[in-house]
Amino acid sequence: MLIVIGGLPGTGKTTLALPNRQQVVDREHEPWERKRVVVDTAGQSPRQSLALLLRGLASG
């Protein structure tokens, strides 16, 4: 299956094909070593979610 998405501005490519599972598995991956910011949007407004995100980003 080939899934095609729109191209990226400035790249000269009009379409990009998403990688298949094996291509993703074969990629070199590096561990995430920084603190994550997790925003659970269930039960809160977009404004509350944004405030939580901004606090998380500000803390480092």
C-alpha atoms as a PDB file:
ATOM      1  CA  MET A   1       0.000   0.000   0.000  1.00  0.00           C
ATOM      2  CA  LEU A   2       1.305   3.439  -0.889  1.00  0.00           C
ATOM      3  CA  ILE A   3       0.053   6.383   1.107  1.00  0.00           C
ATOM      4  CA  VAL A   4       0.874   9.759  -0.371  1.00  0.00           C
ATOM      5  CA  ILE A   5       0.726  13.056   1.458  1.00  0.00           C
ATOM      6  CA  GLY A   6       1.217  16.616   0.234  1.00  0.00           C
ATOM      7  CA  GLY A   7       4.723  17.858  -0.486  1.00  0.00           C
ATOM      8  CA  LEU A   8       6.840  20.161   1.634  1.00  0.00           C
ATOM      9  CA  PRO A   9       7.187  23.803   0.593  1.00  0.00           C
ATOM     10  CA  GLY A  10      10.619  24.664  -0.740  1.00  0.00           C
ATOM     11  CA  THR A  11      11.669  21.062  -1.427  1.00  0.00           C
ATOM     12  CA  GLY A  12      10.552  20.895  -5.045  1.00  0.00           C
ATOM     13  CA  LYS A  13       8.639  17.695  -4.251  1.00  0.00           C
ATOM     14  CA  THR A  14       4.914  17.725  -4.822  1.00  0.00           C
ATOM     15  CA  THR A  15       4.200  14.512  -2.916  1.00  0.00           C
ATOM     16  CA  LEU A  16       5.869  12.455  -0.209  1.00  0.00           C
ATOM     17  CA  ALA A  17       5.311   8.730   0.310  1.00  0.00           C
ATOM     18  CA  LEU A  18       5.006   7.542   3.905  1.00  0.00           C
ATOM     19  CA  PRO A  19       7.510   4.835   4.890  1.00  0.00           C
ATOM     20  CA  ASN A  20       6.328   1.286   5.425  1.00  0.00           C
ATOM     21  CA  ARG A  21       6.730  -0.478   8.761  1.00  0.00           C
ATOM     22  CA  GLN A  22       9.989  -2.183   7.826  1.00  0.00           C
ATOM     23  CA  GLN A  23      11.556   1.095   6.731  1.00  0.00           C
ATOM     24  CA  VAL A  24      10.664   2.609  10.093  1.00  0.00           C
ATOM     25  CA  VAL A  25      12.000  -0.410  12.009  1.00  0.00           C
ATOM     26  CA  ASP A  26      15.258  -0.317  10.028  1.00  0.00           C
ATOM     27  CA  ARG A  27      15.934   3.346  10.804  1.00  0.00           C
ATOM     28  CA  GLU A  28      18.564   4.288  13.352  1.00  0.00           C
ATOM     29  CA  HIS A  29      16.799   5.472  16.498  1.00  0.00           C
ATOM     30  CA  GLU A  30      18.236   7.463  19.381  1.00  0.00           C
ATOM     31  CA  PRO A  31      16.811   7.441  22.902  1.00  0.00           C
ATOM     32  CA  TRP A  32      14.818  10.471  24.055  1.00  0.00           C
ATOM     33  CA  GLU A  33      16.894  11.898  26.887  1.00  0.00           C
ATOM     34  CA  ARG A  34      15.036  15.114  27.651  1.00  0.00           C
ATOM     35  CA  LYS A  35      12.042  15.596  29.908  1.00  0.00           C
ATOM     36  CA  ARG A  36       8.748  14.980  28.092  1.00  0.00           C
ATOM     37  CA  VAL A  37       5.772  17.312  28.243  1.00  0.00           C
ATOM     38  CA  VAL A  38       2.536  15.310  28.292  1.00  0.00           C
ATOM     39  CA  VAL A  39      -0.763  17.138  27.912  1.00  0.00           C
ATOM     40  CA  ASP A  40      -3.876  15.051  28.529  1.00  0.00           C
ATOM     41  CA  THR A  41      -6.613  17.075  26.856  1.00  0.00           C
ATOM     42  CA  ALA A  42      -9.508  14.980  28.152  1.00  0.00           C
ATOM     43  CA  GLY A  43     -11.797  16.940  30.434  1.00  0.00           C
ATOM     44  CA  GLN A  44     -10.193  20.330  29.931  1.00  0.00           C
ATOM     45  CA  SER A  45     -10.588  23.216  27.541  1.00  0.00           C
ATOM     46  CA  PRO A  46      -8.128  24.062  24.763  1.00  0.00           C
ATOM     47  CA  ARG A  47      -7.090  27.110  26.806  1.00  0.00           C
ATOM     48  CA  GLN A  48      -6.323  24.918  29.843  1.00  0.00           C
ATOM     49  CA  SER A  49      -4.385  22.472  27.655  1.00  0.00           C
ATOM     50  CA  LEU A  50      -2.345  25.308  26.160  1.00  0.00           C
ATOM     51  CA  ALA A  51      -1.570  26.695  29.619  1.00  0.00           C
ATOM     52  CA  LEU A  52      -0.370  23.241  30.751  1.00  0.00           C
ATOM     53  CA  LEU A  53       1.782  22.903  27.644  1.00  0.00           C
ATOM     54  CA  LEU A  54       3.340  26.339  28.094  1.00  0.00           C
ATOM     55  CA  ARG A  55       4.117  25.623  31.770  1.00  0.00           C
ATOM     56  CA  GLY A  56       5.751  22.352  30.788  1.00  0.00           C
ATOM     57  CA  LEU A  57       7.867  23.991  28.102  1.00  0.00           C
ATOM     58  CA  ALA A  58       8.916  26.812  30.436  1.00  0.00           C
ATOM     59  CA  SER A  59      10.074  24.371  33.122  1.00  0.00           C
ATOM     60  CA  GLY A  60      12.571  22.967  30.829  1.00  0.00           C
END
